[in-house]
Amino acid sequence: MAIDKAAVAFHELDFETGWEPAPGAAPGIEQKLLSGALDEAAGSGVRTRLIRFQPGAHTDTPFVHEYWEEVYLVSGDLTDDGVDFKPAAYACRPPGTPHGPFRSVSGCLFFEIQYYI
């Protein structure tokens, strides 16, 4: 497996700026891209990002995608398909794995890596 991803020097993260709506996500779910790029149309790439749910944010349907995804819950609360999680929680999802729907009562932050092999 070859991963084409530029080096990023160790640095402090700014949690106030750089957030944008996560593509295809419900209102109140935002991403902050840390490195890389994922091209779903071409089925290639890798990206590392932070995802945050504002308090009360939720999705209504499960997600299924064709890339690998690893997720670490850093802070807050997250409910995945009716099961409640708090930090430190981790998931690794192979392509085609249904997950969600999600909700967060108080809001949450998680670290996510997505990639094609």
Protein backbone atom coordinates (compact mmCIF):
# COMPACT_ATOMS: atom_id res chain seq x y z
CA MET A 1 0.00 0.00 0.00
CA ALA A 2 1.46 3.36 -1.03
CA ILE A 3 0.11 6.46 0.66
CA ASP A 4 0.88 9.80 -0.94
CA LYS A 5 0.66 12.33 1.87
CA ALA A 6 2.82 15.40 2.49
CA ALA A 7 4.72 15.86 5.73
CA VAL A 8 3.20 18.17 8.32
CA ALA A 9 5.52 19.52 11.00
CA PHE A 10 4.54 19.11 14.63
CA HIS A 11 2.52 22.19 15.62
CA GLU A 12 -0.23 23.37 17.95
CA LEU A 13 -3.73 23.17 16.54
CA ASP A 14 -6.04 26.17 16.42
CA PHE A 15 -9.46 24.91 17.55
CA GLU A 16 -11.18 28.24 16.87
CA THR A 17 -10.68 28.63 13.10
CA GLY A 18 -10.59 26.46 9.99
CA TRP A 19 -13.82 24.55 10.61
CA GLU A 20 -16.24 23.93 7.74
CA PRO A 21 -19.38 21.86 7.31
CA ALA A 22 -18.42 18.21 6.81
CA PRO A 23 -19.33 17.20 3.24
CA GLY A 24 -22.65 15.37 3.15
CA ALA A 25 -23.14 15.67 6.91
CA ALA A 26 -26.09 17.02 8.86
CA PRO A 27 -26.13 20.61 10.17
CA GLY A 28 -23.92 21.09 13.24
CA ILE A 29 -21.30 18.55 12.11
CA GLU A 30 -18.04 20.18 11.06
CA GLN A 31 -14.60 19.12 9.90
CA LYS A 32 -11.12 20.58 10.20
CA LEU A 33 -8.79 19.03 7.64
CA LEU A 34 -5.35 18.28 9.08
CA SER A 35 -3.64 16.64 6.11
CA GLY A 36 -4.11 14.75 2.89
CA ALA A 37 -7.05 14.47 0.51
CA LEU A 38 -9.58 11.76 -0.20
CA ASP A 39 -10.99 11.41 -3.72
CA GLU A 40 -14.11 9.28 -3.39
CA ALA A 41 -14.89 9.46 -7.12
CA ALA A 42 -11.46 8.03 -7.99
CA GLY A 43 -11.32 5.72 -4.97
CA SER A 44 -7.93 7.03 -3.86
CA GLY A 45 -6.20 9.08 -1.23
CA VAL A 46 -5.98 9.49 2.50
CA ARG A 47 -7.12 12.27 4.81
CA THR A 48 -6.72 13.05 8.46
CA ARG A 49 -9.21 15.38 10.04
CA LEU A 50 -11.00 16.43 13.17
CA ILE A 51 -14.78 16.13 13.29
CA ARG A 52 -16.89 17.99 15.81
CA PHE A 53 -20.56 17.72 16.58
CA GLN A 54 -22.20 20.80 18.03
CA PRO A 55 -24.47 20.04 21.02
CA GLY A 56 -27.61 18.30 19.78
CA ALA A 57 -26.21 17.49 16.32
CA HIS A 58 -27.39 14.21 14.86
CA THR A 59 -27.71 12.15 11.70
CA ASP A 60 -30.82 10.28 10.67
CA THR A 61 -29.44 7.39 8.62
CA PRO A 62 -26.42 5.07 8.75
CA PHE A 63 -23.29 5.82 6.71
CA VAL A 64 -21.63 3.31 4.38
CA HIS A 65 -18.54 4.17 2.32
CA GLU A 66 -15.89 2.40 0.28
CA TYR A 67 -12.79 3.51 2.21
CA TRP A 68 -11.24 2.49 5.51
CA GLU A 69 -11.96 4.72 8.48
CA GLU A 70 -10.41 4.89 11.93
CA VAL A 71 -12.00 7.12 14.57
CA TYR A 72 -10.90 8.09 18.09
CA LEU A 73 -13.37 9.96 20.33
CA VAL A 74 -11.34 12.71 22.01
CA SER A 75 -14.00 14.50 24.06
CA GLY A 76 -17.75 14.73 24.64
CA ASP A 77 -20.44 12.13 24.09
CA LEU A 78 -21.37 10.20 20.97
CA THR A 79 -24.21 7.77 20.38
CA ASP A 80 -23.67 5.34 17.50
CA ASP A 81 -26.77 3.35 16.52
CA GLY A 82 -28.21 3.62 20.05
CA VAL A 83 -24.97 2.78 21.92
CA ASP A 84 -23.46 5.59 24.03
CA PHE A 85 -19.72 6.29 24.05
CA LYS A 86 -17.43 8.61 25.97
CA PRO A 87 -13.65 9.08 25.62
CA ALA A 88 -11.55 7.09 25.12
CA ALA A 89 -13.43 5.18 22.43
CA TYR A 90 -12.07 3.89 19.11
CA ALA A 91 -13.52 2.32 15.96
CA CYS A 92 -11.95 0.84 12.82
CA ARG A 93 -14.35 0.40 9.91
CA PRO A 94 -13.46 -1.55 6.77
CA PRO A 95 -15.09 -0.49 3.49
CA GLY A 96 -18.82 -1.27 3.38
CA THR A 97 -19.31 -1.22 7.19
CA PRO A 98 -22.59 0.48 8.17
CA HIS A 99 -22.24 2.92 11.10
CA GLY A 100 -24.60 5.38 12.71
CA PRO A 101 -26.96 7.06 12.90
CA PHE A 102 -25.11 9.33 15.30
CA ARG A 103 -26.04 11.94 17.86
CA SER A 104 -24.28 13.98 20.51
CA VAL A 105 -26.16 15.57 23.40
CA SER A 106 -23.37 17.83 24.68
CA GLY A 107 -21.21 17.87 21.54
CA CYS A 108 -18.05 15.91 20.79
CA LEU A 109 -14.70 15.98 19.05
CA PHE A 110 -13.07 13.06 17.30
CA PHE A 111 -9.90 12.38 15.35
CA GLU A 112 -10.41 10.53 12.08
CA ILE A 113 -8.22 8.91 9.43
CA GLN A 114 -9.81 7.75 6.17
CA TYR A 115 -7.95 5.93 3.40
CA TYR A 116 -8.16 3.64 0.40
CA ILE A 117 -5.96 0.54 0.17
